PDB file of N, CA and C in Angstrom:
ATOM      1  N   MET A   1      38.144 110.379 -46.809  1.00  0.00           N
ATOM      2  CA  MET A   1      38.755 109.926 -45.617  1.00  0.00           C
ATOM      3  C   MET A   1      37.686 109.406 -44.738  1.00  0.00           C
ATOM      4  N   LYS A   2      38.056 108.396 -44.027  1.00  0.00           N
ATOM      5  CA  LYS A   2      37.042 107.742 -43.047  1.00  0.00           C
ATOM      6  C   LYS A   2      37.345 107.891 -41.599  1.00  0.00           C
ATOM      7  N   SER A   3      36.377 108.130 -40.797  1.00  0.00           N
ATOM      8  CA  SER A   3      36.556 108.528 -39.378  1.00  0.00           C
ATOM      9  C   SER A   3      37.091 107.164 -38.736  1.00  0.00           C
ATOM     10  N   LYS A   4      37.838 107.625 -37.527  1.00  0.00           N
ATOM     11  CA  LYS A   4      38.648 106.522 -36.864  1.00  0.00           C
ATOM     12  C   LYS A   4      38.071 106.493 -35.331  1.00  0.00           C
ATOM     13  N   ARG A   5      38.481 105.453 -34.590  1.00  0.00           N
ATOM     14  CA  ARG A   5      38.276 105.656 -33.131  1.00  0.00           C
ATOM     15  C   ARG A   5      38.845 106.739 -32.586  1.00  0.00           C
ATOM     16  N   ASN A   6      37.966 107.652 -31.866  1.00  0.00           N
ATOM     17  CA  ASN A   6      38.244 108.968 -31.222  1.00  0.00           C
ATOM     18  C   ASN A   6      38.560 110.053 -32.188  1.00  0.00           C
ATOM     19  N   LEU A   7      38.518 109.816 -33.465  1.00  0.00           N
ATOM     20  CA  LEU A   7      38.779 111.072 -34.543  1.00  0.00           C
ATOM     21  C   LEU A   7      37.488 110.994 -35.489  1.00  0.00           C
ATOM     22  N   THR A   8      36.754 111.951 -35.533  1.00  0.00           N
ATOM     23  CA  THR A   8      35.627 112.003 -36.616  1.00  0.00           C
ATOM     24  C   THR A   8      35.880 113.185 -37.595  1.00  0.00           C
ATOM     25  N   ARG A   9      35.777 112.820 -38.850  1.00  0.00           N
ATOM     26  CA  ARG A   9      35.699 113.620 -39.864  1.00  0.00           C
ATOM     27  C   ARG A   9      34.591 114.487 -40.033  1.00  0.00           C
ATOM     28  N   PHE A  10      34.683 115.733 -40.203  1.00  0.00           N
ATOM     29  CA  PHE A  10      33.528 116.793 -40.562  1.00  0.00           C
ATOM     30  C   PHE A  10      33.766 117.519 -41.664  1.00  0.00           C
ATOM     31  N   THR A  11      32.849 117.222 -42.707  1.00  0.00           N
ATOM     32  CA  THR A  11      32.993 117.852 -43.994  1.00  0.00           C
ATOM     33  C   THR A  11      31.421 118.015 -44.346  1.00  0.00           C
ATOM     34  N   TYR A  12      31.184 119.420 -44.276  1.00  0.00           N
ATOM     35  CA  TYR A  12      29.969 119.726 -44.661  1.00  0.00           C
ATOM     36  C   TYR A  12      29.987 120.825 -45.859  1.00  0.00           C
ATOM     37  N   GLU A  13      28.862 120.664 -46.805  1.00  0.00           N
ATOM     38  CA  GLU A  13      28.962 121.596 -47.784  1.00  0.00           C
ATOM     39  C   GLU A  13      28.661 122.958 -47.415  1.00  0.00           C
ATOM     40  N   ASN A  14      27.722 123.111 -46.345  1.00  0.00           N
ATOM     41  CA  ASN A  14      27.219 124.432 -46.054  1.00  0.00           C
ATOM     42  C   ASN A  14      27.835 125.087 -44.629  1.00  0.00           C
ATOM     43  N   SER A  15      28.933 124.501 -44.251  1.00  0.00           N
ATOM     44  CA  SER A  15      29.476 124.792 -43.019  1.00  0.00           C
ATOM     45  C   SER A  15      30.776 125.492 -43.360  1.00  0.00           C
ATOM     46  N   ALA A  16      31.230 126.237 -42.255  1.00  0.00           N
ATOM     47  CA  ALA A  16      32.516 126.949 -42.309  1.00  0.00           C
ATOM     48  C   ALA A  16      33.798 125.915 -41.958  1.00  0.00           C
ATOM     49  N   PHE A  17      33.376 124.879 -41.160  1.00  0.00           N
ATOM     50  CA  PHE A  17      34.382 124.060 -40.617  1.00  0.00           C
ATOM     51  C   PHE A  17      34.409 122.740 -41.388  1.00  0.00           C
ATOM     52  N   GLU A  18      35.774 122.378 -41.728  1.00  0.00           N
ATOM     53  CA  GLU A  18      36.108 121.139 -42.281  1.00  0.00           C
ATOM     54  C   GLU A  18      37.321 120.775 -41.535  1.00  0.00           C
ATOM     55  N   GLY A  19      37.184 119.407 -41.169  1.00  0.00           N
ATOM     56  CA  GLY A  19      38.596 119.043 -40.429  1.00  0.00           C
ATOM     57  C   GLY A  19      38.189 117.779 -39.647  1.00  0.00           C
ATOM     58  N   TRP A  20      39.055 117.630 -38.510  1.00  0.00           N
ATOM     59  CA  TRP A  20      38.860 116.410 -37.839  1.00  0.00           C
ATOM     60  C   TRP A  20      38.606 116.860 -36.145  1.00  0.00           C
ATOM     61  N   ARG A  21      37.821 116.158 -35.450  1.00  0.00           N
ATOM     62  CA  ARG A  21      37.621 116.313 -34.160  1.00  0.00           C
ATOM     63  C   ARG A  21      38.032 115.071 -33.330  1.00  0.00           C
ATOM     64  N   LEU A  22      38.930 115.630 -32.439  1.00  0.00           N
ATOM     65  CA  LEU A  22      39.365 114.522 -31.441  1.00  0.00           C
ATOM     66  C   LEU A  22      38.405 114.475 -30.360  1.00  0.00           C
ATOM     67  N   CYS A  23      38.006 113.314 -29.904  1.00  0.00           N
ATOM     68  CA  CYS A  23      37.040 113.233 -28.643  1.00  0.00           C
ATOM     69  C   CYS A  23      37.526 112.088 -27.783  1.00  0.00           C
ATOM     70  N   ILE A  24      37.680 112.194 -26.742  1.00  0.00           N
ATOM     71  CA  ILE A  24      38.190 110.870 -25.983  1.00  0.00           C
ATOM     72  C   ILE A  24      37.540 111.049 -24.475  1.00  0.00           C
ATOM     73  N   SER A  25      36.976 109.966 -23.877  1.00  0.00           N
ATOM     74  CA  SER A  25      36.641 109.915 -22.446  1.00  0.00           C
ATOM     75  C   SER A  25      37.305 108.981 -21.663  1.00  0.00           C
ATOM     76  N   ARG A  26      37.399 109.535 -20.396  1.00  0.00           N
ATOM     77  CA  ARG A  26      38.132 108.434 -19.464  1.00  0.00           C
ATOM     78  C   ARG A  26      37.632 108.850 -18.103  1.00  0.00           C
ATOM     79  N   ALA A  27      37.185 107.903 -17.332  1.00  0.00           N
ATOM     80  CA  ALA A  27      36.831 108.059 -15.880  1.00  0.00           C
ATOM     81  C   ALA A  27      35.825 109.431 -15.870  1.00  0.00           C
ATOM     82  N   GLY A  28      34.944 109.399 -16.547  1.00  0.00           N
ATOM     83  CA  GLY A  28      33.866 110.365 -16.570  1.00  0.00           C
ATOM     84  C   GLY A  28      34.346 111.803 -17.106  1.00  0.00           C
ATOM     85  N   THR A  29      35.483 111.952 -17.403  1.00  0.00           N
ATOM     86  CA  THR A  29      35.912 113.231 -18.244  1.00  0.00           C
ATOM     87  C   THR A  29      36.074 113.206 -19.687  1.00  0.00           C
ATOM     88  N   THR A  30      35.561 114.079 -20.296  1.00  0.00           N
ATOM     89  CA  THR A  30      35.497 113.982 -21.994  1.00  0.00           C
ATOM     90  C   THR A  30      36.602 115.244 -22.361  1.00  0.00           C
ATOM     91  N   PHE A  31      37.395 114.873 -23.247  1.00  0.00           N
ATOM     92  CA  PHE A  31      38.215 115.956 -23.993  1.00  0.00           C
ATOM     93  C   PHE A  31      37.972 116.023 -25.264  1.00  0.00           C
ATOM     94  N   THR A  32      37.785 117.095 -25.912  1.00  0.00           N
ATOM     95  CA  THR A  32      37.490 117.353 -27.263  1.00  0.00           C
ATOM     96  C   THR A  32      38.517 118.579 -27.812  1.00  0.00           C
ATOM     97  N   ARG A  33      38.763 118.404 -29.107  1.00  0.00           N
ATOM     98  CA  ARG A  33      39.599 119.346 -29.753  1.00  0.00           C
ATOM     99  C   ARG A  33      39.401 119.211 -31.255  1.00  0.00           C
ATOM    100  N   TYR A  34      39.343 120.295 -31.954  1.00  0.00           N
ATOM    101  CA  TYR A  34      38.980 120.358 -33.420  1.00  0.00           C
ATOM    102  C   TYR A  34      40.347 120.582 -34.121  1.00  0.00           C
ATOM    103  N   PHE A  35      40.530 119.937 -35.106  1.00  0.00           N
ATOM    104  CA  PHE A  35      41.786 120.135 -36.029  1.00  0.00           C
ATOM    105  C   PHE A  35      41.306 120.582 -37.413  1.00  0.00           C
ATOM    106  N   PRO A  36      41.218 121.923 -37.585  1.00  0.00           N
ATOM    107  CA  PRO A  36      40.810 122.351 -39.102  1.00  0.00           C
ATOM    108  C   PRO A  36      41.592 122.312 -40.237  1.00  0.00           C
ATOM    109  N   ASP A  37      41.023 121.820 -41.263  1.00  0.00           N
ATOM    110  CA  ASP A  37      42.158 121.612 -42.658  1.00  0.00           C
ATOM    111  C   ASP A  37      42.574 122.925 -42.835  1.00  0.00           C
ATOM    112  N   ARG A  38      41.800 123.892 -42.857  1.00  0.00           N
ATOM    113  CA  ARG A  38      42.273 125.230 -43.267  1.00  0.00           C
ATOM    114  C   ARG A  38      43.445 125.840 -42.573  1.00  0.00           C
ATOM    115  N   LYS A  39      43.329 125.693 -41.180  1.00  0.00           N
ATOM    116  CA  LYS A  39      44.316 126.254 -40.452  1.00  0.00           C
ATOM    117  C   LYS A  39      45.820 125.219 -40.399  1.00  0.00           C
ATOM    118  N   LEU A  40      45.410 124.145 -40.563  1.00  0.00           N
ATOM    119  CA  LEU A  40      46.775 123.130 -40.654  1.00  0.00           C
ATOM    120  C   LEU A  40      47.148 122.710 -41.992  1.00  0.00           C
ATOM    121  N   GLY A  41      46.675 123.218 -43.173  1.00  0.00           N
ATOM    122  CA  GLY A  41      47.249 122.975 -44.426  1.00  0.00           C
ATOM    123  C   GLY A  41      46.652 121.885 -45.307  1.00  0.00           C
ATOM    124  N   GLY A  42      45.455 121.506 -44.605  1.00  0.00           N
ATOM    125  CA  GLY A  42      44.819 120.263 -45.640  1.00  0.00           C
ATOM    126  C   GLY A  42      44.305 119.191 -44.742  1.00  0.00           C
ATOM    127  N   ALA A  43      43.471 118.228 -45.378  1.00  0.00           N
ATOM    128  CA  ALA A  43      42.894 117.175 -44.416  1.00  0.00           C
ATOM    129  C   ALA A  43      44.030 116.229 -44.073  1.00  0.00           C
ATOM    130  N   ARG A  44      44.872 115.839 -44.794  1.00  0.00           N
ATOM    131  CA  ARG A  44      46.031 114.872 -44.350  1.00  0.00           C
ATOM    132  C   ARG A  44      46.766 115.439 -43.286  1.00  0.00           C
ATOM    133  N   LYS A  45      47.209 116.553 -43.085  1.00  0.00           N
ATOM    134  CA  LYS A  45      47.887 117.333 -42.272  1.00  0.00           C
ATOM    135  C   LYS A  45      47.366 117.344 -41.002  1.00  0.00           C
ATOM    136  N   ALA A  46      45.915 117.757 -41.085  1.00  0.00           N
ATOM    137  CA  ALA A  46      45.107 117.854 -39.877  1.00  0.00           C
ATOM    138  C   ALA A  46      44.762 116.411 -39.132  1.00  0.00           C
ATOM    139  N   LEU A  47      44.672 115.404 -40.214  1.00  0.00           N
ATOM    140  CA  LEU A  47      44.562 114.065 -39.503  1.00  0.00           C
ATOM    141  C   LEU A  47      45.960 113.693 -38.886  1.00  0.00           C
ATOM    142  N   LYS A  48      46.878 113.870 -39.280  1.00  0.00           N
ATOM    143  CA  LYS A  48      48.193 113.759 -38.746  1.00  0.00           C
ATOM    144  C   LYS A  48      48.486 114.385 -37.487  1.00  0.00           C
ATOM    145  N   ALA A  49      48.081 115.572 -37.429  1.00  0.00           N
ATOM    146  CA  ALA A  49      48.116 116.284 -36.144  1.00  0.00           C
ATOM    147  C   ALA A  49      47.306 115.769 -35.178  1.00  0.00           C
ATOM    148  N   ALA A  50      45.976 115.462 -35.652  1.00  0.00           N
ATOM    149  CA  ALA A  50      45.030 114.856 -34.732  1.00  0.00           C
ATOM    150  C   ALA A  50      45.514 113.533 -34.097  1.00  0.00           C
ATOM    151  N   GLU A  51      46.035 112.624 -35.033  1.00  0.00           N
ATOM    152  CA  GLU A  51      46.520 111.306 -34.685  1.00  0.00           C
ATOM    153  C   GLU A  51      47.610 111.484 -33.752  1.00  0.00           C
ATOM    154  N   ALA A  52      48.785 112.212 -33.939  1.00  0.00           N
ATOM    155  CA  ALA A  52      49.834 112.594 -32.884  1.00  0.00           C
ATOM    156  C   ALA A  52      49.342 113.043 -31.642  1.00  0.00           C
ATOM    157  N   THR A  53      48.267 113.881 -31.719  1.00  0.00           N
ATOM    158  CA  THR A  53      47.824 114.577 -30.354  1.00  0.00           C
ATOM    159  C   THR A  53      47.270 113.418 -29.574  1.00  0.00           C
ATOM    160  N   LEU A  54      46.369 112.703 -30.301  1.00  0.00           N
ATOM    161  CA  LEU A  54      45.608 111.524 -29.647  1.00  0.00           C
ATOM    162  C   LEU A  54      46.501 110.389 -29.104  1.00  0.00           C
ATOM    163  N   GLU A  55      47.537 110.128 -29.752  1.00  0.00           N
ATOM    164  CA  GLU A  55      48.667 109.230 -29.054  1.00  0.00           C
ATOM    165  C   GLU A  55      49.108 109.756 -27.729  1.00  0.00           C
ATOM    166  N   GLU A  56      49.451 111.074 -27.736  1.00  0.00           N
ATOM    167  CA  GLU A  56      50.045 111.558 -26.537  1.00  0.00           C
ATOM    168  C   GLU A  56      49.072 111.672 -25.455  1.00  0.00           C
ATOM    169  N   VAL A  57      47.700 111.976 -25.710  1.00  0.00           N
ATOM    170  CA  VAL A  57      46.824 112.063 -24.854  1.00  0.00           C
ATOM    171  C   VAL A  57      46.504 110.606 -24.376  1.00  0.00           C
ATOM    172  N   LYS A  58      46.574 109.582 -24.956  1.00  0.00           N
ATOM    173  CA  LYS A  58      46.346 108.242 -24.640  1.00  0.00           C
ATOM    174  C   LYS A  58      47.294 107.839 -23.762  1.00  0.00           C
ATOM    175  N   GLY A  59      48.544 108.268 -24.085  1.00  0.00           N
ATOM    176  CA  GLY A  59      49.644 107.849 -23.317  1.00  0.00           C
ATOM    177  C   GLY A  59      49.507 108.360 -21.866  1.00  0.00           C
ATOM    178  N   ILE A  60      49.112 109.657 -21.645  1.00  0.00           N
ATOM    179  CA  ILE A  60      49.018 110.135 -20.315  1.00  0.00           C
ATOM    180  C   ILE A  60      47.695 109.601 -19.637  1.00  0.00           C
ATOM    181  N   LEU A  61      46.584 109.393 -20.251  1.00  0.00           N
ATOM    182  CA  LEU A  61      45.393 108.875 -19.595  1.00  0.00           C
ATOM    183  C   LEU A  61      45.440 107.622 -19.295  1.00  0.00           C
ATOM    184  N   ASP A  62      46.172 106.513 -20.060  1.00  0.00           N
ATOM    185  CA  ASP A  62      46.279 105.231 -19.919  1.00  0.00           C
ATOM    186  C   ASP A  62      47.158 104.944 -18.321  1.00  0.00           C
ATOM    187  N   GLY A  63      47.943 105.825 -18.301  1.00  0.00           N
ATOM    188  CA  GLY A  63      48.911 105.706 -17.159  1.00  0.00           C
ATOM    189  C   GLY A  63      48.563 106.701 -15.919  1.00  0.00           C
ATOM    190  N   ALA A  64      47.563 107.225 -16.059  1.00  0.00           N
ATOM    191  CA  ALA A  64      46.712 108.167 -15.041  1.00  0.00           C
ATOM    192  C   ALA A  64      46.516 107.479 -13.800  1.00  0.00           C
ATOM    193  N   ARG A  65      46.853 108.246 -12.684  1.00  0.00           N
ATOM    194  CA  ARG A  65      46.278 107.805 -11.331  1.00  0.00           C
ATOM    195  C   ARG A  65      44.931 108.413 -11.196  1.00  0.00           C
ATOM    196  N   ARG A  66      43.958 107.635 -10.530  1.00  0.00           N
ATOM    197  CA  ARG A  66      42.806 107.864 -10.281  1.00  0.00           C
ATOM    198  C   ARG A  66      42.400 107.928  -8.808  1.00  0.00           C
ATOM    199  N   VAL A  67      41.586 108.873  -8.518  1.00  0.00           N
ATOM    200  CA  VAL A  67      41.066 108.936  -6.924  1.00  0.00           C
ATOM    201  C   VAL A  67      39.649 109.000  -7.033  1.00  0.00           C
ATOM    202  N   ASN A  68      39.036 107.944  -6.368  1.00  0.00           N
ATOM    203  CA  ASN A  68      37.590 107.449  -6.183  1.00  0.00           C
ATOM    204  C   ASN A  68      37.044 107.377  -7.607  1.00  0.00           C
ATOM    205  N   GLY A  69      37.849 106.778  -8.456  1.00  0.00           N
ATOM    206  CA  GLY A  69      37.405 106.423  -9.847  1.00  0.00           C
ATOM    207  C   GLY A  69      37.519 107.574 -11.121  1.00  0.00           C
ATOM    208  N   LYS A  70      37.847 108.791 -10.603  1.00  0.00           N
ATOM    209  CA  LYS A  70      37.972 109.994 -11.418  1.00  0.00           C
ATOM    210  C   LYS A  70      39.360 110.211 -11.571  1.00  0.00           C
ATOM    211  N   LEU A  71      39.583 110.998 -12.844  1.00  0.00           N
ATOM    212  CA  LEU A  71      41.072 111.373 -13.142  1.00  0.00           C
ATOM    213  C   LEU A  71      41.427 112.660 -11.986  1.00  0.00           C
ATOM    214  N   THR A  72      42.720 112.771 -11.582  1.00  0.00           N
ATOM    215  CA  THR A  72      43.232 113.642 -10.741  1.00  0.00           C
ATOM    216  C   THR A  72      43.219 115.122 -11.630  1.00  0.00           C
ATOM    217  N   ALA A  73      43.190 116.230 -10.764  1.00  0.00           N
ATOM    218  CA  ALA A  73      43.097 117.494 -11.314  1.00  0.00           C
ATOM    219  C   ALA A  73      44.382 117.749 -12.178  1.00  0.00           C
ATOM    220  N   THR A  74      45.519 117.112 -11.660  1.00  0.00           N
ATOM    221  CA  THR A  74      46.769 117.441 -12.277  1.00  0.00           C
ATOM    222  C   THR A  74      46.664 116.803 -13.744  1.00  0.00           C
ATOM    223  N   THR A  75      46.119 115.522 -13.852  1.00  0.00           N
ATOM    224  CA  THR A  75      45.928 114.870 -15.056  1.00  0.00           C
ATOM    225  C   THR A  75      45.301 115.578 -16.021  1.00  0.00           C
ATOM    226  N   ILE A  76      44.015 116.017 -15.549  1.00  0.00           N
ATOM    227  CA  ILE A  76      43.187 116.900 -16.384  1.00  0.00           C
ATOM    228  C   ILE A  76      43.942 118.132 -16.903  1.00  0.00           C
ATOM    229  N   ARG A  77      44.648 118.882 -16.258  1.00  0.00           N
ATOM    230  CA  ARG A  77      45.134 119.867 -16.509  1.00  0.00           C
ATOM    231  C   ARG A  77      46.397 119.679 -17.646  1.00  0.00           C
ATOM    232  N   LYS A  78      47.166 118.329 -17.428  1.00  0.00           N
ATOM    233  CA  LYS A  78      48.118 118.231 -18.430  1.00  0.00           C
ATOM    234  C   LYS A  78      47.405 117.865 -19.726  1.00  0.00           C
ATOM    235  N   VAL A  79      46.329 117.121 -19.760  1.00  0.00           N
ATOM    236  CA  VAL A  79      45.805 116.976 -21.031  1.00  0.00           C
ATOM    237  C   VAL A  79      45.265 118.169 -21.711  1.00  0.00           C
ATOM    238  N   GLU A  80      44.521 119.080 -20.833  1.00  0.00           N
ATOM    239  CA  GLU A  80      44.077 120.302 -21.423  1.00  0.00           C
ATOM    240  C   GLU A  80      45.065 121.205 -22.027  1.00  0.00           C
ATOM    241  N   LYS A  81      46.365 121.132 -21.582  1.00  0.00           N
ATOM    242  CA  LYS A  81      47.406 121.992 -21.885  1.00  0.00           C
ATOM    243  C   LYS A  81      47.982 121.287 -23.313  1.00  0.00           C
ATOM    244  N   ILE A  82      47.831 119.973 -23.488  1.00  0.00           N
ATOM    245  CA  ILE A  82      48.596 119.266 -24.715  1.00  0.00           C
ATOM    246  C   ILE A  82      47.337 119.758 -25.786  1.00  0.00           C
ATOM    247  N   LEU A  83      46.083 119.676 -25.412  1.00  0.00           N
ATOM    248  CA  LEU A  83      45.061 119.751 -26.476  1.00  0.00           C
ATOM    249  C   LEU A  83      45.226 121.214 -26.879  1.00  0.00           C
ATOM    250  N   LYS A  84      45.429 122.205 -25.919  1.00  0.00           N
ATOM    251  CA  LYS A  84      45.366 123.697 -26.254  1.00  0.00           C
ATOM    252  C   LYS A  84      46.642 123.949 -27.155  1.00  0.00           C
ATOM    253  N   ASN A  85      47.775 123.412 -26.875  1.00  0.00           N
ATOM    254  CA  ASN A  85      48.838 123.599 -27.734  1.00  0.00           C
ATOM    255  C   ASN A  85      48.912 122.764 -29.073  1.00  0.00           C
ATOM    256  N   ALA A  86      48.042 122.057 -29.275  1.00  0.00           N
ATOM    257  CA  ALA A  86      47.964 120.949 -30.372  1.00  0.00           C
ATOM    258  C   ALA A  86      47.886 121.630 -31.746  1.00  0.00           C
ATOM    259  N   VAL A  87      46.951 122.542 -32.000  1.00  0.00           N
ATOM    260  CA  VAL A  87      46.863 123.137 -33.420  1.00  0.00           C
ATOM    261  C   VAL A  87      47.752 124.283 -33.379  1.00  0.00           C
ATOM    262  N   LYS A  88      48.806 124.200 -34.489  1.00  0.00           N
ATOM    263  CA  LYS A  88      49.659 125.116 -34.797  1.00  0.00           C
ATOM    264  C   LYS A  88      49.492 125.374 -36.364  1.00  0.00           C
ATOM    265  N   PRO A  89      49.342 126.675 -36.645  1.00  0.00           N
ATOM    266  CA  PRO A  89      48.924 126.950 -38.128  1.00  0.00           C
ATOM    267  C   PRO A  89      50.381 126.664 -38.989  1.00  0.00           C
ATOM    268  N   VAL A  90      49.921 126.237 -40.050  1.00  0.00           N
ATOM    269  CA  VAL A  90      51.032 126.023 -41.107  1.00  0.00           C
ATOM    270  C   VAL A  90      51.731 127.386 -41.552  1.00  0.00           C
ATOM    271  N   GLU A  91      53.085 127.429 -41.667  1.00  0.00           N
ATOM    272  CA  GLU A  91      53.649 128.640 -41.890  1.00  0.00           C
ATOM    273  C   GLU A  91      53.766 128.630 -43.544  1.00  0.00           C
ATOM    274  N   LYS A  92      53.461 129.569 -44.112  1.00  0.00           N
ATOM    275  CA  LYS A  92      53.496 130.036 -45.334  1.00  0.00           C
ATOM    276  C   LYS A  92      54.671 130.679 -45.962  1.00  0.00           C
TER     277      LYS A  92
END
């Protein structure tokens, strides 16, 4: 699988982490979240979760109000809450 804009694939032979990293920056604030294959049930499911979260985050950031060129604290908290709740393990 190939990386996409704001989504980077991490696959290392000698690493404990394999999965996708969502990283998006707006108005001087960077948001990052990892979507591990192992926790989400595979590479395709991790990518699907990362893409869904990215679309949700972009929706908030694109319509966000700015004060002095920076995102408001409320917007930052909303995005951080979405990212915190984004990774849910697969039920077995």
